[in-house]
Amino acid sequence: MEPVPSDMRIPPRVRIVNTVSRLVEHAIYWIAAVLLVLLLIVVVAGTLDVIVRIGTEFQILPRGRMDVTQILSLLGLFLVVLISIELLYVVRLYLEGRHFDVETILIVALIAIARKVIVFDIEKNDTSLMLGLAAVILSLSGALALLRKFPRSSPSWERD
């Protein structure tokens, strides 16, 4: 009996689905690559903005003295740039290995919440928002602690 060619054993619908699936994967890859470049531009622009703002703050009289509002504003901008750098890392990991690093994403979320807490204005916000931020911080910290205590092992089908 003569062997059947492999492409004849696969039904036409399955071949179409496989082709469309590959096209979607390529599209997602290139979209992520474009987003990586755009995010890099944002990080560079944000870094330049931090440098310019520090320079202008130290030129205003009295020299070298900033009030709390200026410091918090500058720190908030600095943390936004730091969050953007972490997001660059996450997108780069995705492009290289087609996976997201959960620990890095949790750290990015914690940095974002820390930024919110640092620039939090008690006079303008109510206590329920502060309690909500505390709950988010506790849940993210707990998730990060659990992730570090019980590292994810590969699924059984990958071990074989």
N, C-alpha and C. Protein backbone atom coordinates (compact mmCIF):
# COMPACT_ATOMS: atom_id res chain seq x y z
N MET A 1 0.83 -1.17 0.00
CA MET A 1 0.00 0.00 0.00
C MET A 1 0.89 1.24 0.00
N GLU A 2 0.54 2.20 -0.78
CA GLU A 2 1.30 3.42 -0.98
C GLU A 2 0.97 4.43 0.13
N PRO A 3 2.00 5.08 0.72
CA PRO A 3 1.70 6.05 1.79
C PRO A 3 0.99 7.28 1.23
N VAL A 4 0.10 7.83 2.04
CA VAL A 4 -0.66 9.02 1.65
C VAL A 4 0.18 10.25 2.01
N PRO A 5 0.35 11.20 1.07
CA PRO A 5 1.12 12.41 1.40
C PRO A 5 0.51 13.12 2.61
N SER A 6 1.38 13.72 3.41
CA SER A 6 0.93 14.31 4.68
C SER A 6 -0.07 15.44 4.48
N ASP A 7 0.06 16.20 3.38
CA ASP A 7 -0.88 17.31 3.19
C ASP A 7 -2.26 16.84 2.78
N MET A 8 -2.38 15.61 2.32
CA MET A 8 -3.70 15.08 1.94
C MET A 8 -4.44 14.53 3.16
N ARG A 9 -3.69 14.21 4.23
CA ARG A 9 -4.33 13.68 5.42
C ARG A 9 -4.99 14.79 6.24
N ILE A 10 -4.54 16.01 6.08
CA ILE A 10 -5.09 17.14 6.84
C ILE A 10 -6.28 17.69 6.08
N PRO A 11 -7.44 17.76 6.73
CA PRO A 11 -8.63 18.30 6.06
C PRO A 11 -8.40 19.77 5.65
N PRO A 12 -9.03 20.20 4.56
CA PRO A 12 -8.83 21.58 4.08
C PRO A 12 -9.16 22.64 5.12
N ARG A 13 -10.20 22.43 5.92
CA ARG A 13 -10.55 23.41 6.95
C ARG A 13 -9.42 23.61 7.95
N VAL A 14 -8.79 22.51 8.34
CA VAL A 14 -7.70 22.57 9.31
C VAL A 14 -6.51 23.31 8.70
N ARG A 15 -6.23 23.06 7.43
CA ARG A 15 -5.13 23.78 6.76
C ARG A 15 -5.41 25.28 6.73
N ILE A 16 -6.65 25.66 6.46
CA ILE A 16 -7.01 27.08 6.42
C ILE A 16 -6.85 27.70 7.81
N VAL A 17 -7.33 27.00 8.83
CA VAL A 17 -7.22 27.50 10.20
C VAL A 17 -5.74 27.63 10.59
N ASN A 18 -4.92 26.66 10.23
CA ASN A 18 -3.48 26.73 10.54
C ASN A 18 -2.82 27.91 9.84
N THR A 19 -3.18 28.14 8.59
CA THR A 19 -2.61 29.26 7.84
C THR A 19 -3.02 30.59 8.45
N VAL A 20 -4.30 30.72 8.78
CA VAL A 20 -4.77 31.96 9.40
C VAL A 20 -4.11 32.15 10.77
N SER A 21 -3.96 31.10 11.51
CA SER A 21 -3.32 31.17 12.82
C SER A 21 -1.88 31.65 12.69
N ARG A 22 -1.14 31.15 11.72
CA ARG A 22 0.24 31.60 11.50
C ARG A 22 0.28 33.07 11.09
N LEU A 23 -0.67 33.50 10.25
CA LEU A 23 -0.73 34.90 9.85
C LEU A 23 -1.00 35.81 11.05
N VAL A 24 -1.91 35.38 11.91
CA VAL A 24 -2.23 36.16 13.12
C VAL A 24 -1.00 36.24 14.03
N GLU A 25 -0.28 35.14 14.19
CA GLU A 25 0.94 35.15 15.02
C GLU A 25 1.97 36.13 14.48
N HIS A 26 2.17 36.12 13.16
CA HIS A 26 3.11 37.06 12.54
C HIS A 26 2.65 38.51 12.73
N ALA A 27 1.36 38.75 12.58
CA ALA A 27 0.83 40.11 12.75
C ALA A 27 1.03 40.58 14.18
N ILE A 28 0.76 39.71 15.16
CA ILE A 28 0.94 40.07 16.57
C ILE A 28 2.41 40.37 16.84
N TYR A 29 3.30 39.57 16.28
CA TYR A 29 4.73 39.79 16.47
C TYR A 29 5.15 41.17 15.95
N TRP A 30 4.72 41.51 14.75
CA TRP A 30 5.12 42.79 14.17
C TRP A 30 4.45 43.97 14.86
N ILE A 31 3.24 43.79 15.32
CA ILE A 31 2.58 44.85 16.09
C ILE A 31 3.34 45.08 17.40
N ALA A 32 3.74 44.01 18.07
CA ALA A 32 4.52 44.14 19.31
C ALA A 32 5.87 44.81 19.04
N ALA A 33 6.48 44.49 17.89
CA ALA A 33 7.76 45.12 17.54
C ALA A 33 7.59 46.62 17.32
N VAL A 34 6.52 47.01 16.65
CA VAL A 34 6.24 48.44 16.44
C VAL A 34 5.98 49.12 17.78
N LEU A 35 5.21 48.47 18.65
CA LEU A 35 4.95 49.03 19.98
C LEU A 35 6.23 49.17 20.79
N LEU A 36 7.15 48.24 20.63
CA LEU A 36 8.44 48.31 21.32
C LEU A 36 9.21 49.56 20.88
N VAL A 37 9.24 49.81 19.59
CA VAL A 37 9.93 51.00 19.07
C VAL A 37 9.26 52.28 19.57
N LEU A 38 7.91 52.31 19.52
CA LEU A 38 7.20 53.49 20.00
C LEU A 38 7.42 53.71 21.49
N LEU A 39 7.43 52.64 22.27
CA LEU A 39 7.68 52.74 23.70
C LEU A 39 9.10 53.24 23.97
N LEU A 40 10.04 52.82 23.16
CA LEU A 40 11.41 53.30 23.29
C LEU A 40 11.47 54.81 23.06
N ILE A 41 10.73 55.29 22.08
CA ILE A 41 10.67 56.74 21.83
C ILE A 41 10.08 57.46 23.05
N VAL A 42 9.04 56.88 23.63
CA VAL A 42 8.42 57.48 24.82
C VAL A 42 9.41 57.51 25.98
N VAL A 43 10.18 56.45 26.18
CA VAL A 43 11.15 56.39 27.27
C VAL A 43 12.24 57.45 27.07
N VAL A 44 12.74 57.56 25.85
CA VAL A 44 13.78 58.57 25.57
C VAL A 44 13.22 59.98 25.80
N ALA A 45 12.01 60.23 25.30
CA ALA A 45 11.40 61.56 25.49
C ALA A 45 11.15 61.84 26.97
N GLY A 46 10.69 60.84 27.72
CA GLY A 46 10.45 61.01 29.15
C GLY A 46 11.75 61.28 29.91
N THR A 47 12.81 60.57 29.53
CA THR A 47 14.11 60.78 30.17
C THR A 47 14.61 62.20 29.91
N LEU A 48 14.48 62.64 28.67
CA LEU A 48 14.88 64.01 28.33
C LEU A 48 14.04 65.02 29.11
N ASP A 49 12.76 64.74 29.28
CA ASP A 49 11.89 65.62 30.04
C ASP A 49 12.33 65.71 31.50
N VAL A 50 12.71 64.58 32.10
CA VAL A 50 13.21 64.58 33.48
C VAL A 50 14.48 65.43 33.57
N ILE A 51 15.38 65.26 32.63
CA ILE A 51 16.63 66.02 32.64
C ILE A 51 16.35 67.52 32.52
N VAL A 52 15.47 67.90 31.59
CA VAL A 52 15.15 69.31 31.40
C VAL A 52 14.48 69.88 32.65
N ARG A 53 13.55 69.13 33.23
CA ARG A 53 12.84 69.64 34.42
C ARG A 53 13.77 69.80 35.61
N ILE A 54 14.72 68.87 35.76
CA ILE A 54 15.69 69.01 36.85
C ILE A 54 16.55 70.26 36.61
N GLY A 55 16.96 70.44 35.36
CA GLY A 55 17.78 71.62 35.03
C GLY A 55 17.05 72.92 35.27
N THR A 56 15.77 72.98 34.89
CA THR A 56 15.02 74.22 35.10
C THR A 56 14.70 74.46 36.57
N GLU A 57 14.47 73.39 37.33
CA GLU A 57 14.18 73.56 38.76
C GLU A 57 15.38 74.13 39.50
N PHE A 58 16.59 73.76 39.09
CA PHE A 58 17.77 74.26 39.78
C PHE A 58 18.19 75.64 39.30
N GLN A 59 17.60 76.14 38.22
CA GLN A 59 17.92 77.49 37.75
C GLN A 59 17.00 78.54 38.37
N ILE A 60 15.87 78.10 38.92
CA ILE A 60 14.94 79.02 39.54
C ILE A 60 15.49 79.42 40.91
N LEU A 61 15.39 80.70 41.22
CA LEU A 61 15.87 81.19 42.51
C LEU A 61 14.88 80.81 43.61
N PRO A 62 15.27 80.53 44.82
CA PRO A 62 16.64 80.36 45.27
C PRO A 62 17.24 79.07 44.73
N ARG A 63 18.47 79.15 44.36
CA ARG A 63 19.14 78.04 43.68
C ARG A 63 19.13 76.75 44.51
N GLY A 64 18.79 75.66 43.81
CA GLY A 64 18.88 74.34 44.42
C GLY A 64 17.82 74.02 45.44
N ARG A 65 16.84 74.89 45.61
CA ARG A 65 15.80 74.61 46.59
C ARG A 65 14.49 74.34 45.87
N MET A 66 13.93 73.19 46.16
CA MET A 66 12.64 72.83 45.57
C MET A 66 11.67 72.59 46.72
N ASP A 67 10.43 72.97 46.51
CA ASP A 67 9.44 72.68 47.54
C ASP A 67 8.92 71.26 47.35
N VAL A 68 8.11 70.82 48.28
CA VAL A 68 7.63 69.44 48.28
C VAL A 68 6.83 69.12 47.01
N THR A 69 6.02 70.06 46.56
CA THR A 69 5.21 69.84 45.37
C THR A 69 6.08 69.60 44.14
N GLN A 70 7.15 70.39 44.00
CA GLN A 70 8.06 70.22 42.87
C GLN A 70 8.79 68.88 42.94
N ILE A 71 9.20 68.50 44.13
CA ILE A 71 9.90 67.22 44.30
C ILE A 71 8.97 66.06 43.97
N LEU A 72 7.73 66.11 44.46
CA LEU A 72 6.78 65.02 44.18
C LEU A 72 6.45 64.95 42.69
N SER A 73 6.32 66.10 42.05
CA SER A 73 6.06 66.11 40.61
C SER A 73 7.21 65.49 39.84
N LEU A 74 8.42 65.84 40.21
CA LEU A 74 9.61 65.30 39.54
C LEU A 74 9.74 63.80 39.82
N LEU A 75 9.48 63.40 41.05
CA LEU A 75 9.55 61.98 41.40
C LEU A 75 8.49 61.18 40.65
N GLY A 76 7.28 61.75 40.51
CA GLY A 76 6.24 61.07 39.75
C GLY A 76 6.63 60.88 38.30
N LEU A 77 7.23 61.90 37.69
CA LEU A 77 7.69 61.79 36.30
C LEU A 77 8.80 60.75 36.18
N PHE A 78 9.71 60.73 37.16
CA PHE A 78 10.79 59.75 37.17
C PHE A 78 10.23 58.33 37.23
N LEU A 79 9.24 58.12 38.08
CA LEU A 79 8.65 56.78 38.21
C LEU A 79 7.89 56.37 36.95
N VAL A 80 7.29 57.33 36.25
CA VAL A 80 6.63 57.00 34.98
C VAL A 80 7.66 56.50 33.97
N VAL A 81 8.82 57.14 33.93
CA VAL A 81 9.89 56.69 33.03
C VAL A 81 10.36 55.30 33.45
N LEU A 82 10.49 55.07 34.74
CA LEU A 82 10.90 53.75 35.23
C LEU A 82 9.88 52.67 34.86
N ILE A 83 8.60 52.98 34.98
CA ILE A 83 7.55 52.03 34.58
C ILE A 83 7.65 51.75 33.09
N SER A 84 7.90 52.77 32.30
CA SER A 84 8.02 52.59 30.85
C SER A 84 9.21 51.69 30.50
N ILE A 85 10.31 51.85 31.25
CA ILE A 85 11.48 50.99 31.01
C ILE A 85 11.13 49.54 31.32
N GLU A 86 10.42 49.32 32.41
CA GLU A 86 10.01 47.95 32.76
C GLU A 86 9.07 47.37 31.69
N LEU A 87 8.18 48.19 31.16
CA LEU A 87 7.30 47.72 30.08
C LEU A 87 8.09 47.39 28.83
N LEU A 88 9.14 48.18 28.55
CA LEU A 88 10.04 47.85 27.43
C LEU A 88 10.62 46.45 27.62
N TYR A 89 11.03 46.18 28.84
CA TYR A 89 11.60 44.86 29.15
C TYR A 89 10.58 43.75 28.92
N VAL A 90 9.34 43.98 29.34
CA VAL A 90 8.29 42.96 29.18
C VAL A 90 8.01 42.70 27.70
N VAL A 91 7.89 43.75 26.92
CA VAL A 91 7.60 43.58 25.48
C VAL A 91 8.78 42.90 24.80
N ARG A 92 10.01 43.26 25.18
CA ARG A 92 11.19 42.61 24.60
C ARG A 92 11.21 41.12 24.93
N LEU A 93 10.88 40.79 26.19
CA LEU A 93 10.80 39.37 26.55
C LEU A 93 9.77 38.64 25.70
N TYR A 94 8.63 39.27 25.49
CA TYR A 94 7.58 38.66 24.68
C TYR A 94 8.07 38.40 23.26
N LEU A 95 8.77 39.38 22.69
CA LEU A 95 9.26 39.22 21.32
C LEU A 95 10.33 38.15 21.22
N GLU A 96 11.16 38.01 22.25
CA GLU A 96 12.23 37.03 22.21
C GLU A 96 11.74 35.61 22.49
N GLY A 97 10.87 35.47 23.46
CA GLY A 97 10.49 34.13 23.88
C GLY A 97 9.03 33.82 23.81
N ARG A 98 8.23 34.76 23.31
CA ARG A 98 6.79 34.55 23.18
C ARG A 98 6.13 34.24 24.52
N HIS A 99 6.60 34.89 25.59
CA HIS A 99 5.95 34.73 26.89
C HIS A 99 6.08 36.02 27.68
N PHE A 100 5.24 36.17 28.66
CA PHE A 100 5.32 37.30 29.57
C PHE A 100 5.90 36.81 30.87
N ASP A 101 6.77 37.61 31.45
CA ASP A 101 7.33 37.31 32.75
C ASP A 101 6.40 37.89 33.81
N VAL A 102 5.67 37.02 34.49
CA VAL A 102 4.66 37.44 35.45
C VAL A 102 5.28 38.26 36.57
N GLU A 103 6.45 37.87 37.03
CA GLU A 103 7.11 38.60 38.12
C GLU A 103 7.40 40.04 37.70
N THR A 104 7.88 40.23 36.48
CA THR A 104 8.17 41.58 36.01
C THR A 104 6.89 42.41 35.90
N ILE A 105 5.81 41.81 35.45
CA ILE A 105 4.54 42.52 35.34
C ILE A 105 4.04 42.93 36.71
N LEU A 106 4.19 42.06 37.70
CA LEU A 106 3.78 42.41 39.08
C LEU A 106 4.64 43.55 39.62
N ILE A 107 5.93 43.53 39.31
CA ILE A 107 6.82 44.60 39.76
C ILE A 107 6.43 45.93 39.10
N VAL A 108 6.11 45.89 37.81
CA VAL A 108 5.66 47.11 37.12
C VAL A 108 4.40 47.65 37.78
N ALA A 109 3.48 46.77 38.11
CA ALA A 109 2.24 47.19 38.77
C ALA A 109 2.53 47.80 40.14
N LEU A 110 3.46 47.20 40.89
CA LEU A 110 3.82 47.75 42.20
C LEU A 110 4.47 49.12 42.07
N ILE A 111 5.32 49.30 41.07
CA ILE A 111 5.95 50.60 40.85
C ILE A 111 4.88 51.64 40.51
N ALA A 112 3.91 51.24 39.68
CA ALA A 112 2.84 52.17 39.30
C ALA A 112 2.01 52.57 40.53
N ILE A 113 1.71 51.61 41.38
CA ILE A 113 0.95 51.92 42.59
C ILE A 113 1.80 52.75 43.55
N ALA A 114 3.10 52.45 43.63
CA ALA A 114 3.98 53.25 44.49
C ALA A 114 4.01 54.70 44.01
N ARG A 115 4.02 54.90 42.71
CA ARG A 115 3.97 56.25 42.15
C ARG A 115 2.69 56.95 42.59
N LYS A 116 1.58 56.23 42.50
CA LYS A 116 0.30 56.81 42.89
C LYS A 116 0.29 57.19 44.37
N VAL A 117 0.88 56.34 45.20
CA VAL A 117 0.92 56.60 46.63
C VAL A 117 1.83 57.79 46.93
N ILE A 118 2.96 57.87 46.24
CA ILE A 118 3.92 58.96 46.49
C ILE A 118 3.32 60.31 46.15
N VAL A 119 2.59 60.39 45.05
CA VAL A 119 2.01 61.68 44.64
C VAL A 119 0.57 61.84 45.15
N PHE A 120 0.14 60.97 46.03
CA PHE A 120 -1.22 61.00 46.56
C PHE A 120 -1.45 62.26 47.38
N ASP A 121 -2.51 62.97 47.09
CA ASP A 121 -2.85 64.20 47.82
C ASP A 121 -4.03 63.89 48.75
N ILE A 122 -3.75 63.88 50.04
CA ILE A 122 -4.76 63.50 51.03
C ILE A 122 -5.91 64.49 51.05
N GLU A 123 -5.62 65.79 50.84
CA GLU A 123 -6.67 66.80 50.89
C GLU A 123 -7.66 66.65 49.74
N LYS A 124 -7.20 66.19 48.57
CA LYS A 124 -8.07 66.10 47.39
C LYS A 124 -8.77 64.75 47.26
N ASN A 125 -8.32 63.75 47.96
CA ASN A 125 -8.89 62.40 47.83
C ASN A 125 -9.47 61.93 49.16
N ASP A 126 -10.42 61.01 49.05
CA ASP A 126 -11.02 60.49 50.28
C ASP A 126 -10.32 59.23 50.76
N THR A 127 -10.67 58.80 51.94
CA THR A 127 -10.00 57.65 52.54
C THR A 127 -10.32 56.34 51.83
N SER A 128 -11.47 56.25 51.16
CA SER A 128 -11.79 55.00 50.47
C SER A 128 -10.80 54.74 49.33
N LEU A 129 -10.34 55.80 48.67
CA LEU A 129 -9.33 55.62 47.62
C LEU A 129 -8.02 55.14 48.23
N MET A 130 -7.67 55.68 49.38
CA MET A 130 -6.45 55.25 50.06
C MET A 130 -6.55 53.78 50.49
N LEU A 131 -7.70 53.38 50.99
CA LEU A 131 -7.90 51.98 51.37
C LEU A 131 -7.85 51.07 50.14
N GLY A 132 -8.40 51.53 49.03
CA GLY A 132 -8.33 50.76 47.80
C GLY A 132 -6.89 50.57 47.33
N LEU A 133 -6.10 51.64 47.39
CA LEU A 133 -4.68 51.53 47.04
C LEU A 133 -3.96 50.56 47.96
N ALA A 134 -4.28 50.61 49.25
CA ALA A 134 -3.67 49.68 50.21
C ALA A 134 -4.03 48.24 49.87
N ALA A 135 -5.28 48.00 49.48
CA ALA A 135 -5.71 46.64 49.11
C ALA A 135 -4.97 46.16 47.86
N VAL A 136 -4.81 47.04 46.89
CA VAL A 136 -4.09 46.67 45.67
C VAL A 136 -2.63 46.36 45.99
N ILE A 137 -2.01 47.18 46.84
CA ILE A 137 -0.62 46.95 47.22
C ILE A 137 -0.46 45.61 47.93
N LEU A 138 -1.38 45.32 48.85
CA LEU A 138 -1.31 44.04 49.57
C LEU A 138 -1.50 42.85 48.64
N SER A 139 -2.45 42.96 47.72
CA SER A 139 -2.68 41.82 46.81
C SER A 139 -1.52 41.62 45.84
N LEU A 140 -0.96 42.72 45.32
CA LEU A 140 0.19 42.58 44.42
C LEU A 140 1.41 42.05 45.16
N SER A 141 1.63 42.54 46.37
CA SER A 141 2.76 42.06 47.18
C SER A 141 2.58 40.59 47.52
N GLY A 142 1.36 40.20 47.87
CA GLY A 142 1.09 38.80 48.18
C GLY A 142 1.30 37.90 46.97
N ALA A 143 0.85 38.37 45.81
CA ALA A 143 1.05 37.59 44.58
C ALA A 143 2.53 37.44 44.27
N LEU A 144 3.28 38.52 44.43
CA LEU A 144 4.72 38.47 44.18
C LEU A 144 5.42 37.54 45.17
N ALA A 145 5.02 37.61 46.44
CA ALA A 145 5.61 36.72 47.46
C ALA A 145 5.30 35.26 47.15
N LEU A 146 4.05 34.97 46.77
CA LEU A 146 3.69 33.59 46.42
C LEU A 146 4.44 33.11 45.19
N LEU A 147 4.60 33.97 44.22
CA LEU A 147 5.31 33.61 43.00
C LEU A 147 6.77 33.29 43.30
N ARG A 148 7.36 34.03 44.20
CA ARG A 148 8.77 33.78 44.55
C ARG A 148 8.92 32.56 45.46
N LYS A 149 7.93 32.33 46.32
CA LYS A 149 8.00 31.17 47.22
C LYS A 149 7.74 29.87 46.47
N PHE A 150 6.78 29.89 45.55
CA PHE A 150 6.44 28.71 44.77
C PHE A 150 6.66 29.00 43.29
N PRO A 151 7.92 28.89 42.83
CA PRO A 151 8.18 29.18 41.42
C PRO A 151 7.40 28.24 40.51
N ARG A 152 6.97 28.78 39.40
CA ARG A 152 6.16 28.02 38.46
C ARG A 152 7.00 26.95 37.79
N SER A 153 6.53 25.72 37.88
CA SER A 153 7.24 24.65 37.18
C SER A 153 6.57 24.47 35.81
N SER A 154 7.30 23.84 34.93
CA SER A 154 6.74 23.66 33.59
C SER A 154 5.60 22.63 33.66
N PRO A 155 4.60 22.79 32.81
CA PRO A 155 3.48 21.85 32.79
C PRO A 155 3.96 20.43 32.45
N SER A 156 3.18 19.45 32.84
CA SER A 156 3.58 18.05 32.66
C SER A 156 3.82 17.70 31.19
N TRP A 157 3.07 18.31 30.26
CA TRP A 157 3.25 17.97 28.85
C TRP A 157 4.57 18.53 28.29
N GLU A 158 5.17 19.55 28.96
CA GLU A 158 6.44 20.07 28.51
C GLU A 158 7.61 19.29 29.07
N ARG A 159 7.41 18.56 30.17
CA ARG A 159 8.48 17.81 30.80
C ARG A 159 8.81 16.52 30.08
N ASP A 160 7.86 15.99 29.36
CA ASP A 160 8.06 14.68 28.72
C ASP A 160 8.97 14.77 27.52
